[in-house]
Amino acid sequence: MEISRQMRSGTAALALLASGLVLSGCVGGPTYGTDKTAGEHLMDDLGNVVSMEGQKPKNLKYQPRPGLVMPPSSQKTALVQPQTSLASKDNPQWLESPEETRQRLRDEATENANSSTYVSPLAKSSANSKALTAEEQQAAYREARRTQMGAYSDKRRFLSDPPLAYRAVSEDQINDLGEPEQDKERRRKKEAEVDGTGRKWWQVF
């Protein structure tokens, strides 16, 4: 029993010594802008934990809230109705889903099953198109080639095409065929000769 009492007293003494060292290290330390050191904060926290006395209620006086200020009856107006949402199937410009488009075309084909003039958009275009003559095929081929090469100026067929005002070419530029090939050949031969010697560029000696 005496040994246990001595151990308890020794443990308590060590705990007090350790807490004293901790507090001594905290005293005089930085305040970090709180006007209190870390030791003071520690002592306040320990005091709040150990203290069993509850906080006294503060005598607060609450003022009642005033009532809502309503406008006079002469200034009351009807509220604006909310705008109807455009994202609905009732909107005529609402895009159809692929499933709705197929169902609509099926219904149209069922309703016009006995009509000889109805042509379904789902049918192949080659089966409904008429046979072209040789002249029409050649004209269609030339038009496709002109479109492919960009040799058209009547309208803009693609978003990448420049405006029509930028595609206009003057008559002088159209009629200008450039330098003839014979003149180009003479100029190249003349430039190849060494100036003032009459020799070619490859004649070293």
N, C-alpha and C. Protein backbone atom coordinates (compact mmCIF):
# COMPACT_ATOMS: atom_id res chain seq x y z
N MET A 1 0.82 -1.20 0.00
CA MET A 1 0.00 0.00 0.00
C MET A 1 0.86 1.26 0.00
N GLU A 2 1.92 1.20 0.84
CA GLU A 2 2.79 2.37 0.90
C GLU A 2 3.50 2.60 -0.44
N ILE A 3 3.88 1.48 -1.08
CA ILE A 3 4.56 1.62 -2.38
C ILE A 3 3.62 2.23 -3.41
N SER A 4 2.37 1.78 -3.41
CA SER A 4 1.42 2.33 -4.37
C SER A 4 1.16 3.80 -4.11
N ARG A 5 1.09 4.19 -2.83
CA ARG A 5 0.90 5.60 -2.52
C ARG A 5 2.10 6.43 -2.97
N GLN A 6 3.26 5.90 -2.77
CA GLN A 6 4.46 6.61 -3.21
C GLN A 6 4.49 6.75 -4.74
N MET A 7 4.07 5.68 -5.43
CA MET A 7 4.05 5.75 -6.90
C MET A 7 3.03 6.78 -7.38
N ARG A 8 1.89 6.82 -6.69
CA ARG A 8 0.88 7.79 -7.09
C ARG A 8 1.38 9.22 -6.85
N SER A 9 1.97 9.42 -5.72
CA SER A 9 2.48 10.76 -5.43
C SER A 9 3.60 11.15 -6.39
N GLY A 10 4.46 10.18 -6.73
CA GLY A 10 5.53 10.47 -7.69
C GLY A 10 4.99 10.78 -9.07
N THR A 11 3.97 10.05 -9.46
CA THR A 11 3.35 10.31 -10.77
C THR A 11 2.70 11.68 -10.81
N ALA A 12 2.01 12.03 -9.74
CA ALA A 12 1.39 13.36 -9.68
C ALA A 12 2.44 14.46 -9.72
N ALA A 13 3.56 14.22 -9.02
CA ALA A 13 4.62 15.23 -9.01
C ALA A 13 5.22 15.39 -10.40
N LEU A 14 5.42 14.27 -11.09
CA LEU A 14 5.95 14.36 -12.45
C LEU A 14 4.97 15.07 -13.39
N ALA A 15 3.67 14.80 -13.23
CA ALA A 15 2.68 15.46 -14.07
C ALA A 15 2.69 16.96 -13.83
N LEU A 16 2.75 17.36 -12.56
CA LEU A 16 2.80 18.79 -12.25
C LEU A 16 4.06 19.43 -12.80
N LEU A 17 5.19 18.72 -12.70
CA LEU A 17 6.44 19.25 -13.23
C LEU A 17 6.37 19.41 -14.74
N ALA A 18 5.80 18.41 -15.41
CA ALA A 18 5.69 18.49 -16.88
C ALA A 18 4.78 19.63 -17.30
N SER A 19 3.63 19.77 -16.60
CA SER A 19 2.73 20.87 -16.94
C SER A 19 3.38 22.22 -16.65
N GLY A 20 4.19 22.28 -15.57
CA GLY A 20 4.89 23.53 -15.29
C GLY A 20 5.89 23.87 -16.36
N LEU A 21 6.59 22.86 -16.87
CA LEU A 21 7.54 23.11 -17.96
C LEU A 21 6.82 23.59 -19.22
N VAL A 22 5.69 22.95 -19.49
CA VAL A 22 4.93 23.36 -20.68
C VAL A 22 4.44 24.78 -20.54
N LEU A 23 3.91 25.11 -19.38
CA LEU A 23 3.42 26.46 -19.18
C LEU A 23 4.54 27.48 -19.20
N SER A 24 5.70 27.11 -18.66
CA SER A 24 6.82 28.05 -18.69
C SER A 24 7.31 28.28 -20.11
N GLY A 25 7.20 27.25 -20.93
CA GLY A 25 7.60 27.45 -22.33
C GLY A 25 6.62 28.29 -23.10
N CYS A 26 5.33 28.21 -22.67
CA CYS A 26 4.31 28.98 -23.39
C CYS A 26 4.29 30.44 -22.98
N VAL A 27 4.67 30.69 -21.71
CA VAL A 27 4.63 32.07 -21.22
C VAL A 27 5.67 32.90 -21.97
N GLY A 28 5.28 34.07 -22.38
CA GLY A 28 6.19 34.96 -23.08
C GLY A 28 6.37 34.62 -24.54
N GLY A 29 5.56 33.70 -25.04
CA GLY A 29 5.66 33.34 -26.45
C GLY A 29 4.93 34.33 -27.34
N PRO A 30 4.88 34.09 -28.61
CA PRO A 30 4.19 34.99 -29.55
C PRO A 30 2.68 34.97 -29.32
N THR A 31 2.07 36.08 -29.64
CA THR A 31 0.62 36.22 -29.44
C THR A 31 -0.16 36.02 -30.74
N TYR A 32 0.50 36.11 -31.90
CA TYR A 32 -0.14 35.92 -33.20
C TYR A 32 -1.33 36.86 -33.39
N GLY A 33 -1.19 38.07 -32.87
CA GLY A 33 -2.23 39.08 -33.09
C GLY A 33 -3.45 38.93 -32.22
N THR A 34 -3.43 38.08 -31.19
CA THR A 34 -4.60 37.87 -30.31
C THR A 34 -4.44 38.53 -28.95
N ASP A 35 -3.33 39.21 -28.70
CA ASP A 35 -3.05 39.86 -27.41
C ASP A 35 -2.95 38.87 -26.26
N LYS A 36 -2.85 37.60 -26.55
CA LYS A 36 -2.68 36.58 -25.52
C LYS A 36 -1.66 35.57 -26.01
N THR A 37 -0.82 35.15 -25.08
CA THR A 37 0.15 34.12 -25.44
C THR A 37 -0.52 32.76 -25.46
N ALA A 38 0.24 31.78 -25.94
CA ALA A 38 -0.30 30.42 -25.98
C ALA A 38 -0.57 29.90 -24.58
N GLY A 39 0.26 30.28 -23.59
CA GLY A 39 0.02 29.85 -22.21
C GLY A 39 -1.26 30.41 -21.64
N GLU A 40 -1.54 31.67 -21.92
CA GLU A 40 -2.77 32.27 -21.43
C GLU A 40 -4.00 31.61 -22.05
N HIS A 41 -3.89 31.32 -23.35
CA HIS A 41 -5.00 30.62 -24.00
C HIS A 41 -5.20 29.24 -23.38
N LEU A 42 -4.09 28.56 -23.07
CA LEU A 42 -4.20 27.23 -22.47
C LEU A 42 -4.85 27.31 -21.09
N MET A 43 -4.46 28.29 -20.29
CA MET A 43 -5.04 28.44 -18.97
C MET A 43 -6.52 28.79 -19.05
N ASP A 44 -6.89 29.64 -20.01
CA ASP A 44 -8.31 29.97 -20.17
C ASP A 44 -9.12 28.74 -20.56
N ASP A 45 -8.57 27.95 -21.48
CA ASP A 45 -9.29 26.74 -21.90
C ASP A 45 -9.43 25.76 -20.74
N LEU A 46 -8.35 25.59 -19.97
CA LEU A 46 -8.44 24.68 -18.82
C LEU A 46 -9.42 25.20 -17.78
N GLY A 47 -9.44 26.50 -17.57
CA GLY A 47 -10.39 27.06 -16.62
C GLY A 47 -11.82 26.87 -17.07
N ASN A 48 -12.07 27.01 -18.41
CA ASN A 48 -13.43 26.81 -18.90
C ASN A 48 -13.87 25.36 -18.80
N VAL A 49 -12.91 24.44 -18.96
CA VAL A 49 -13.26 23.02 -18.86
C VAL A 49 -13.51 22.62 -17.42
N VAL A 50 -12.65 23.09 -16.52
CA VAL A 50 -12.78 22.70 -15.11
C VAL A 50 -13.97 23.38 -14.46
N SER A 51 -14.27 24.60 -14.89
CA SER A 51 -15.35 25.34 -14.25
C SER A 51 -16.67 24.63 -14.48
N MET A 52 -17.40 24.40 -13.42
CA MET A 52 -18.70 23.73 -13.50
C MET A 52 -19.84 24.72 -13.47
N GLU A 53 -19.54 25.94 -13.29
CA GLU A 53 -20.58 26.95 -13.21
C GLU A 53 -21.04 27.33 -14.62
N GLY A 54 -22.30 27.29 -14.84
CA GLY A 54 -22.83 27.63 -16.15
C GLY A 54 -22.75 29.11 -16.42
N GLN A 55 -22.83 29.46 -17.67
CA GLN A 55 -22.79 30.86 -18.04
C GLN A 55 -24.11 31.53 -17.67
N LYS A 56 -23.99 32.74 -17.18
CA LYS A 56 -25.18 33.48 -16.81
C LYS A 56 -25.89 33.97 -18.07
N PRO A 57 -27.18 33.81 -18.12
CA PRO A 57 -27.90 34.30 -19.31
C PRO A 57 -27.83 35.81 -19.40
N LYS A 58 -27.68 36.29 -20.57
CA LYS A 58 -27.61 37.72 -20.79
C LYS A 58 -29.02 38.28 -20.92
N ASN A 59 -29.19 39.46 -20.37
CA ASN A 59 -30.49 40.13 -20.45
C ASN A 59 -30.61 40.83 -21.80
N LEU A 60 -31.08 40.07 -22.76
CA LEU A 60 -31.23 40.61 -24.11
C LEU A 60 -32.67 41.07 -24.30
N LYS A 61 -32.80 42.16 -24.96
CA LYS A 61 -34.12 42.71 -25.26
C LYS A 61 -34.34 42.64 -26.77
N TYR A 62 -35.32 41.87 -27.16
CA TYR A 62 -35.64 41.70 -28.57
C TYR A 62 -36.81 42.62 -28.92
N GLN A 63 -36.59 43.39 -29.95
CA GLN A 63 -37.65 44.26 -30.43
C GLN A 63 -38.53 43.49 -31.42
N PRO A 64 -39.82 43.60 -31.31
CA PRO A 64 -40.69 42.88 -32.26
C PRO A 64 -40.52 43.44 -33.67
N ARG A 65 -40.64 42.55 -34.62
CA ARG A 65 -40.50 42.97 -36.02
C ARG A 65 -41.75 43.74 -36.46
N PRO A 66 -41.52 44.77 -37.22
CA PRO A 66 -42.70 45.51 -37.71
C PRO A 66 -43.43 44.70 -38.78
N GLY A 67 -44.66 45.06 -39.00
CA GLY A 67 -45.45 44.38 -40.01
C GLY A 67 -45.01 44.75 -41.42
N LEU A 68 -45.45 43.97 -42.39
CA LEU A 68 -45.11 44.21 -43.78
C LEU A 68 -45.82 45.46 -44.29
N VAL A 69 -45.10 46.25 -45.03
CA VAL A 69 -45.65 47.47 -45.61
C VAL A 69 -46.23 47.10 -46.97
N MET A 70 -47.53 47.15 -47.08
CA MET A 70 -48.22 46.80 -48.31
C MET A 70 -48.51 48.06 -49.11
N PRO A 71 -48.41 47.99 -50.43
CA PRO A 71 -48.73 49.16 -51.25
C PRO A 71 -50.23 49.43 -51.21
N PRO A 72 -50.60 50.64 -51.49
CA PRO A 72 -52.04 50.95 -51.50
C PRO A 72 -52.75 50.18 -52.62
N SER A 73 -54.03 50.03 -52.45
CA SER A 73 -54.81 49.25 -53.42
C SER A 73 -54.79 49.87 -54.81
N SER A 74 -54.62 51.19 -54.88
CA SER A 74 -54.61 51.84 -56.20
C SER A 74 -53.34 51.52 -56.99
N GLN A 75 -52.27 51.15 -56.30
CA GLN A 75 -51.01 50.86 -56.99
C GLN A 75 -50.79 49.37 -57.21
N LYS A 76 -51.71 48.55 -56.79
CA LYS A 76 -51.56 47.12 -56.99
C LYS A 76 -51.82 46.77 -58.46
N THR A 77 -50.93 46.03 -59.04
CA THR A 77 -51.05 45.58 -60.43
C THR A 77 -50.92 44.07 -60.47
N ALA A 78 -51.47 43.51 -61.51
CA ALA A 78 -51.39 42.06 -61.67
C ALA A 78 -49.97 41.65 -62.02
N LEU A 79 -49.54 40.56 -61.47
CA LEU A 79 -48.20 40.07 -61.74
C LEU A 79 -48.09 39.54 -63.16
N VAL A 80 -46.91 39.68 -63.73
CA VAL A 80 -46.67 39.18 -65.08
C VAL A 80 -46.64 37.66 -65.06
N GLN A 81 -47.35 37.06 -65.97
CA GLN A 81 -47.38 35.61 -66.04
C GLN A 81 -46.03 35.08 -66.51
N PRO A 82 -45.59 33.98 -65.96
CA PRO A 82 -44.30 33.42 -66.40
C PRO A 82 -44.34 33.00 -67.86
N GLN A 83 -43.20 33.14 -68.52
CA GLN A 83 -43.11 32.79 -69.93
C GLN A 83 -43.23 31.28 -70.11
N THR A 84 -43.95 30.92 -71.14
CA THR A 84 -44.12 29.50 -71.43
C THR A 84 -42.80 28.92 -71.93
N SER A 85 -42.46 27.79 -71.41
CA SER A 85 -41.20 27.16 -71.80
C SER A 85 -41.25 26.74 -73.27
N LEU A 86 -40.19 27.10 -74.01
CA LEU A 86 -40.12 26.73 -75.42
C LEU A 86 -39.69 25.29 -75.62
N ALA A 87 -39.10 24.71 -74.60
CA ALA A 87 -38.63 23.32 -74.72
C ALA A 87 -39.77 22.37 -74.41
N SER A 88 -40.72 22.31 -75.32
CA SER A 88 -41.86 21.41 -75.16
C SER A 88 -42.28 20.92 -76.53
N LYS A 89 -43.02 19.84 -76.54
CA LYS A 89 -43.48 19.27 -77.81
C LYS A 89 -44.58 20.10 -78.46
N ASP A 90 -45.20 21.02 -77.70
CA ASP A 90 -46.23 21.88 -78.27
C ASP A 90 -45.64 22.97 -79.17
N ASN A 91 -44.38 23.22 -79.06
CA ASN A 91 -43.73 24.23 -79.90
C ASN A 91 -43.61 23.68 -81.32
N PRO A 92 -44.13 24.39 -82.33
CA PRO A 92 -44.03 23.87 -83.71
C PRO A 92 -42.61 23.77 -84.22
N GLN A 93 -41.68 24.54 -83.66
CA GLN A 93 -40.29 24.49 -84.09
C GLN A 93 -39.46 23.49 -83.29
N TRP A 94 -40.10 22.73 -82.45
CA TRP A 94 -39.38 21.74 -81.65
C TRP A 94 -38.91 20.60 -82.55
N LEU A 95 -37.64 20.26 -82.45
CA LEU A 95 -37.07 19.23 -83.32
C LEU A 95 -37.58 17.86 -82.91
N GLU A 96 -37.81 17.05 -83.94
CA GLU A 96 -38.24 15.69 -83.69
C GLU A 96 -37.04 14.80 -83.38
N SER A 97 -37.30 13.84 -82.56
CA SER A 97 -36.27 12.83 -82.32
C SER A 97 -36.28 11.84 -83.47
N PRO A 98 -35.20 11.10 -83.70
CA PRO A 98 -35.19 10.11 -84.79
C PRO A 98 -36.32 9.10 -84.67
N GLU A 99 -36.66 8.70 -83.45
CA GLU A 99 -37.76 7.75 -83.28
C GLU A 99 -39.09 8.36 -83.69
N GLU A 100 -39.33 9.63 -83.32
CA GLU A 100 -40.57 10.29 -83.71
C GLU A 100 -40.64 10.50 -85.21
N THR A 101 -39.52 10.81 -85.85
CA THR A 101 -39.51 10.98 -87.30
C THR A 101 -39.85 9.68 -88.01
N ARG A 102 -39.26 8.58 -87.58
CA ARG A 102 -39.57 7.29 -88.22
C ARG A 102 -41.03 6.91 -88.01
N GLN A 103 -41.56 7.16 -86.81
CA GLN A 103 -42.95 6.83 -86.55
C GLN A 103 -43.88 7.68 -87.41
N ARG A 104 -43.57 8.97 -87.57
CA ARG A 104 -44.41 9.84 -88.41
C ARG A 104 -44.39 9.39 -89.86
N LEU A 105 -43.22 9.01 -90.37
CA LEU A 105 -43.14 8.56 -91.76
C LEU A 105 -43.85 7.23 -91.94
N ARG A 106 -43.81 6.38 -90.94
CA ARG A 106 -44.55 5.11 -91.04
C ARG A 106 -46.05 5.37 -91.08
N ASP A 107 -46.51 6.30 -90.24
CA ASP A 107 -47.94 6.62 -90.24
C ASP A 107 -48.36 7.23 -91.57
N GLU A 108 -47.54 8.10 -92.16
CA GLU A 108 -47.86 8.67 -93.46
C GLU A 108 -47.91 7.59 -94.53
N ALA A 109 -46.98 6.66 -94.50
CA ALA A 109 -46.99 5.58 -95.50
C ALA A 109 -48.21 4.69 -95.33
N THR A 110 -48.64 4.46 -94.09
CA THR A 110 -49.83 3.63 -93.86
C THR A 110 -51.08 4.33 -94.35
N GLU A 111 -51.18 5.65 -94.11
CA GLU A 111 -52.36 6.39 -94.56
C GLU A 111 -52.42 6.49 -96.09
N ASN A 112 -51.29 6.58 -96.76
CA ASN A 112 -51.25 6.72 -98.22
C ASN A 112 -50.87 5.42 -98.90
N ALA A 113 -51.26 4.30 -98.30
CA ALA A 113 -50.90 3.01 -98.90
C ALA A 113 -51.59 2.79 -100.24
N ASN A 114 -52.80 3.32 -100.41
CA ASN A 114 -53.55 3.14 -101.66
C ASN A 114 -53.37 4.30 -102.63
N SER A 115 -52.50 5.25 -102.31
CA SER A 115 -52.28 6.39 -103.19
C SER A 115 -51.12 6.09 -104.13
N SER A 116 -51.36 6.31 -105.42
CA SER A 116 -50.31 6.04 -106.41
C SER A 116 -49.34 7.20 -106.58
N THR A 117 -49.70 8.37 -106.08
CA THR A 117 -48.83 9.55 -106.23
C THR A 117 -47.94 9.78 -105.02
N TYR A 118 -48.16 9.06 -103.95
CA TYR A 118 -47.36 9.27 -102.74
C TYR A 118 -46.03 8.54 -102.86
N VAL A 119 -44.97 9.25 -102.56
CA VAL A 119 -43.63 8.68 -102.57
C VAL A 119 -43.04 8.88 -101.17
N SER A 120 -42.71 7.82 -100.51
CA SER A 120 -42.18 7.90 -99.16
C SER A 120 -40.74 8.42 -99.17
N PRO A 121 -40.39 9.31 -98.27
CA PRO A 121 -38.99 9.73 -98.20
C PRO A 121 -38.04 8.62 -97.80
N LEU A 122 -38.57 7.55 -97.22
CA LEU A 122 -37.71 6.44 -96.83
C LEU A 122 -37.31 5.57 -98.01
N ALA A 123 -38.03 5.71 -99.15
CA ALA A 123 -37.68 4.90 -100.32
C ALA A 123 -36.38 5.39 -100.92
N LYS A 124 -35.70 4.52 -101.65
CA LYS A 124 -34.43 4.87 -102.27
C LYS A 124 -34.66 5.88 -103.39
N SER A 125 -33.76 6.84 -103.47
CA SER A 125 -33.91 7.88 -104.50
C SER A 125 -33.68 7.33 -105.89
N SER A 126 -32.82 6.33 -106.02
CA SER A 126 -32.54 5.78 -107.35
C SER A 126 -33.75 5.07 -107.93
N ALA A 127 -34.59 4.50 -107.06
CA ALA A 127 -35.77 3.79 -107.56
C ALA A 127 -36.85 4.76 -108.01
N ASN A 128 -36.88 5.98 -107.46
CA ASN A 128 -37.92 6.95 -107.80
C ASN A 128 -37.46 7.96 -108.84
N SER A 129 -36.18 8.05 -109.12
CA SER A 129 -35.68 9.04 -110.08
C SER A 129 -35.81 8.50 -111.50
N LYS A 130 -36.00 9.45 -112.40
CA LYS A 130 -36.13 9.06 -113.80
C LYS A 130 -34.76 8.91 -114.43
N ALA A 131 -34.72 8.19 -115.53
CA ALA A 131 -33.46 7.97 -116.24
C ALA A 131 -33.05 9.24 -116.97
N LEU A 132 -31.78 9.63 -116.84
CA LEU A 132 -31.27 10.83 -117.48
C LEU A 132 -30.74 10.50 -118.86
N THR A 133 -30.86 11.49 -119.73
CA THR A 133 -30.30 11.33 -121.07
C THR A 133 -28.80 11.57 -121.02
N ALA A 134 -28.15 11.35 -122.16
CA ALA A 134 -26.70 11.53 -122.22
C ALA A 134 -26.32 13.00 -122.00
N GLU A 135 -27.11 13.92 -122.59
CA GLU A 135 -26.82 15.34 -122.41
C GLU A 135 -27.01 15.77 -120.95
N GLU A 136 -28.06 15.27 -120.31
CA GLU A 136 -28.29 15.62 -118.91
C GLU A 136 -27.20 15.04 -118.00
N GLN A 137 -26.75 13.84 -118.31
CA GLN A 137 -25.66 13.26 -117.52
C GLN A 137 -24.37 14.06 -117.67
N GLN A 138 -24.07 14.50 -118.91
CA GLN A 138 -22.87 15.31 -119.12
C GLN A 138 -22.98 16.66 -118.39
N ALA A 139 -24.16 17.28 -118.46
CA ALA A 139 -24.34 18.56 -117.77
C ALA A 139 -24.21 18.39 -116.25
N ALA A 140 -24.77 17.31 -115.71
CA ALA A 140 -24.66 17.06 -114.28
C ALA A 140 -23.20 16.79 -113.89
N TYR A 141 -22.46 16.09 -114.78
CA TYR A 141 -21.05 15.81 -114.48
C TYR A 141 -20.23 17.10 -114.49
N ARG A 142 -20.48 17.97 -115.47
CA ARG A 142 -19.75 19.24 -115.53
C ARG A 142 -20.06 20.10 -114.30
N GLU A 143 -21.33 20.13 -113.90
CA GLU A 143 -21.70 20.92 -112.73
C GLU A 143 -21.04 20.37 -111.47
N ALA A 144 -20.98 19.06 -111.35
CA ALA A 144 -20.32 18.46 -110.18
C ALA A 144 -18.82 18.77 -110.18
N ARG A 145 -18.18 18.75 -111.37
CA ARG A 145 -16.76 19.07 -111.45
C ARG A 145 -16.51 20.53 -111.11
N ARG A 146 -17.37 21.42 -111.59
CA ARG A 146 -17.22 22.84 -111.28
C ARG A 146 -17.37 23.07 -109.77
N THR A 147 -18.32 22.39 -109.18
CA THR A 147 -18.51 22.52 -107.74
C THR A 147 -17.31 21.97 -106.98
N GLN A 148 -16.77 20.85 -107.45
CA GLN A 148 -15.62 20.25 -106.78
C GLN A 148 -14.38 21.13 -106.88
N MET A 149 -14.17 21.76 -108.03
CA MET A 149 -13.00 22.61 -108.25
C MET A 149 -13.20 24.04 -107.73
N GLY A 150 -14.42 24.37 -107.31
CA GLY A 150 -14.68 25.72 -106.84
C GLY A 150 -14.83 26.72 -107.96
N ALA A 151 -15.07 26.27 -109.18
CA ALA A 151 -15.20 27.18 -110.33
C ALA A 151 -16.64 27.62 -110.48
N TYR A 152 -17.16 28.32 -109.51
CA TYR A 152 -18.52 28.85 -109.58
C TYR A 152 -18.53 30.17 -108.82
N SER A 153 -19.33 31.08 -109.30
CA SER A 153 -19.40 32.40 -108.69
C SER A 153 -20.84 32.90 -108.61
N ASP A 154 -21.81 32.02 -108.84
CA ASP A 154 -23.20 32.45 -108.81
C ASP A 154 -23.75 32.54 -107.39
N LYS A 155 -23.30 31.66 -106.51
CA LYS A 155 -23.79 31.67 -105.14
C LYS A 155 -22.79 30.93 -104.25
N ARG A 156 -22.98 31.07 -102.95
CA ARG A 156 -22.13 30.38 -101.98
C ARG A 156 -22.76 29.02 -101.68
N ARG A 157 -22.01 27.99 -101.99
CA ARG A 157 -22.52 26.63 -101.76
C ARG A 157 -22.03 26.05 -100.44
N PHE A 158 -20.93 26.56 -99.92
CA PHE A 158 -20.36 26.03 -98.68
C PHE A 158 -20.05 27.20 -97.75
N LEU A 159 -19.96 26.91 -96.46
CA LEU A 159 -19.63 27.95 -95.49
C LEU A 159 -18.22 28.47 -95.66
N SER A 160 -17.34 27.65 -96.21
CA SER A 160 -15.96 28.08 -96.41
C SER A 160 -15.78 28.98 -97.63
N ASP A 161 -16.82 29.12 -98.46
CA ASP A 161 -16.70 29.98 -99.64
C ASP A 161 -16.65 31.44 -99.23
N PRO A 162 -15.81 32.25 -99.89
CA PRO A 162 -15.79 33.69 -99.59
C PRO A 162 -17.05 34.36 -100.11
N PRO A 163 -17.34 35.58 -99.67
CA PRO A 163 -18.49 36.31 -100.20
C PRO A 163 -18.38 36.50 -101.70
N LEU A 164 -19.54 36.67 -102.35
CA LEU A 164 -19.56 36.81 -103.81
C LEU A 164 -18.83 38.07 -104.26
N ALA A 165 -18.84 39.12 -103.43
CA ALA A 165 -18.14 40.35 -103.82
C ALA A 165 -16.64 40.13 -103.92
N TYR A 166 -16.09 39.22 -103.15
CA TYR A 166 -14.66 38.93 -103.20
C TYR A 166 -14.30 38.00 -104.36
N ARG A 167 -15.28 37.31 -104.91
CA ARG A 167 -15.02 36.38 -106.00
C ARG A 167 -15.13 37.03 -107.38
N ALA A 168 -15.59 38.27 -107.41
CA ALA A 168 -15.73 38.95 -108.70
C ALA A 168 -14.36 39.28 -109.27
N VAL A 169 -14.16 38.98 -110.55
CA VAL A 169 -12.88 39.19 -111.24
C VAL A 169 -13.11 40.18 -112.38
N SER A 170 -12.20 41.14 -112.53
CA SER A 170 -12.34 42.13 -113.59
C SER A 170 -12.05 41.49 -114.95
N GLU A 171 -12.54 42.16 -116.01
CA GLU A 171 -12.35 41.65 -117.38
C GLU A 171 -10.89 41.65 -117.79
N ASP A 172 -10.11 42.63 -117.31
CA ASP A 172 -8.70 42.69 -117.67
C ASP A 172 -7.95 41.47 -117.14
N GLN A 173 -8.27 41.07 -115.93
CA GLN A 173 -7.60 39.89 -115.38
C GLN A 173 -8.03 38.61 -116.08
N ILE A 174 -9.28 38.58 -116.53
CA ILE A 174 -9.74 37.38 -117.24
C ILE A 174 -9.07 37.27 -118.60
N ASN A 175 -8.93 38.39 -119.31
CA ASN A 175 -8.33 38.37 -120.65
C ASN A 175 -6.81 38.32 -120.63
N ASP A 176 -6.19 38.57 -119.48
CA ASP A 176 -4.74 38.53 -119.40
C ASP A 176 -4.26 37.08 -119.38
N LEU A 177 -3.59 36.67 -120.43
CA LEU A 177 -3.10 35.30 -120.55
C LEU A 177 -1.71 35.12 -119.98
N GLY A 178 -1.10 36.20 -119.53
CA GLY A 178 0.22 36.07 -118.95
C GLY A 178 1.33 36.16 -120.00
N GLU A 179 2.56 35.96 -119.60
CA GLU A 179 3.72 36.04 -120.49
C GLU A 179 3.78 34.81 -121.40
N PRO A 180 3.98 35.00 -122.71
CA PRO A 180 4.07 33.83 -123.60
C PRO A 180 5.26 32.94 -123.24
N GLU A 181 5.15 31.67 -123.59
CA GLU A 181 6.19 30.71 -123.26
C GLU A 181 7.49 31.00 -124.01
N GLN A 182 7.40 31.52 -125.25
CA GLN A 182 8.62 31.84 -126.01
C GLN A 182 9.39 32.97 -125.34
N ASP A 183 8.67 33.98 -124.88
CA ASP A 183 9.35 35.08 -124.18
C ASP A 183 9.99 34.59 -122.88
N LYS A 184 9.33 33.68 -122.19
CA LYS A 184 9.91 33.12 -120.97
C LYS A 184 11.20 32.37 -121.26
N GLU A 185 11.20 31.60 -122.37
CA GLU A 185 12.40 30.83 -122.72
C GLU A 185 13.55 31.75 -123.09
N ARG A 186 13.31 32.82 -123.85
CA ARG A 186 14.37 33.76 -124.21
C ARG A 186 14.91 34.45 -122.95
N ARG A 187 14.02 34.82 -122.03
CA ARG A 187 14.46 35.49 -120.82
C ARG A 187 15.30 34.57 -119.96
N ARG A 188 14.95 33.32 -119.88
CA ARG A 188 15.75 32.39 -119.09
C ARG A 188 17.14 32.17 -119.70
N LYS A 189 17.21 32.08 -121.03
CA LYS A 189 18.51 31.92 -121.69
C LYS A 189 19.38 33.15 -121.50
N LYS A 190 18.77 34.31 -121.58
CA LYS A 190 19.52 35.53 -121.42
C LYS A 190 20.04 35.68 -119.99
N GLU A 191 19.23 35.31 -119.00
CA GLU A 191 19.67 35.39 -117.61
C GLU A 191 20.75 34.37 -117.29
N ALA A 192 20.79 33.25 -118.05
CA ALA A 192 21.80 32.23 -117.81
C ALA A 192 23.18 32.64 -118.33
N GLU A 193 23.24 33.56 -119.28
CA GLU A 193 24.53 34.01 -119.81
C GLU A 193 25.22 34.93 -118.80
N VAL A 194 26.55 34.85 -118.78
CA VAL A 194 27.32 35.71 -117.89
C VAL A 194 27.32 37.12 -118.47
N ASP A 195 27.06 38.08 -117.61
CA ASP A 195 26.98 39.46 -118.07
C ASP A 195 28.31 39.93 -118.63
N GLY A 196 28.31 40.44 -119.88
CA GLY A 196 29.48 41.05 -120.48
C GLY A 196 30.48 40.08 -121.07
N THR A 197 30.30 38.78 -120.96
CA THR A 197 31.28 37.82 -121.48
C THR A 197 30.71 36.97 -122.60
N GLY A 198 29.39 36.89 -122.69
CA GLY A 198 28.81 36.05 -123.72
C GLY A 198 28.87 34.57 -123.41
N ARG A 199 29.36 34.20 -122.22
CA ARG A 199 29.46 32.79 -121.85
C ARG A 199 28.21 32.35 -121.08
N LYS A 200 28.02 31.05 -121.10
CA LYS A 200 26.94 30.46 -120.33
C LYS A 200 27.41 30.31 -118.88
N TRP A 201 26.46 30.01 -118.01
CA TRP A 201 26.79 29.89 -116.60
C TRP A 201 27.64 28.65 -116.32
N TRP A 202 27.56 27.65 -117.27
CA TRP A 202 28.31 26.42 -117.03
C TRP A 202 29.70 26.45 -117.67
N GLN A 203 30.03 27.54 -118.46
CA GLN A 203 31.35 27.66 -119.09
C GLN A 203 32.30 28.32 -118.10
N VAL A 204 33.14 27.51 -117.45
CA VAL A 204 34.06 28.04 -116.45
C VAL A 204 35.27 28.69 -117.10
N PHE A 205 35.86 27.99 -118.11
CA PHE A 205 37.06 28.50 -118.78
C PHE A 205 36.68 29.06 -120.14
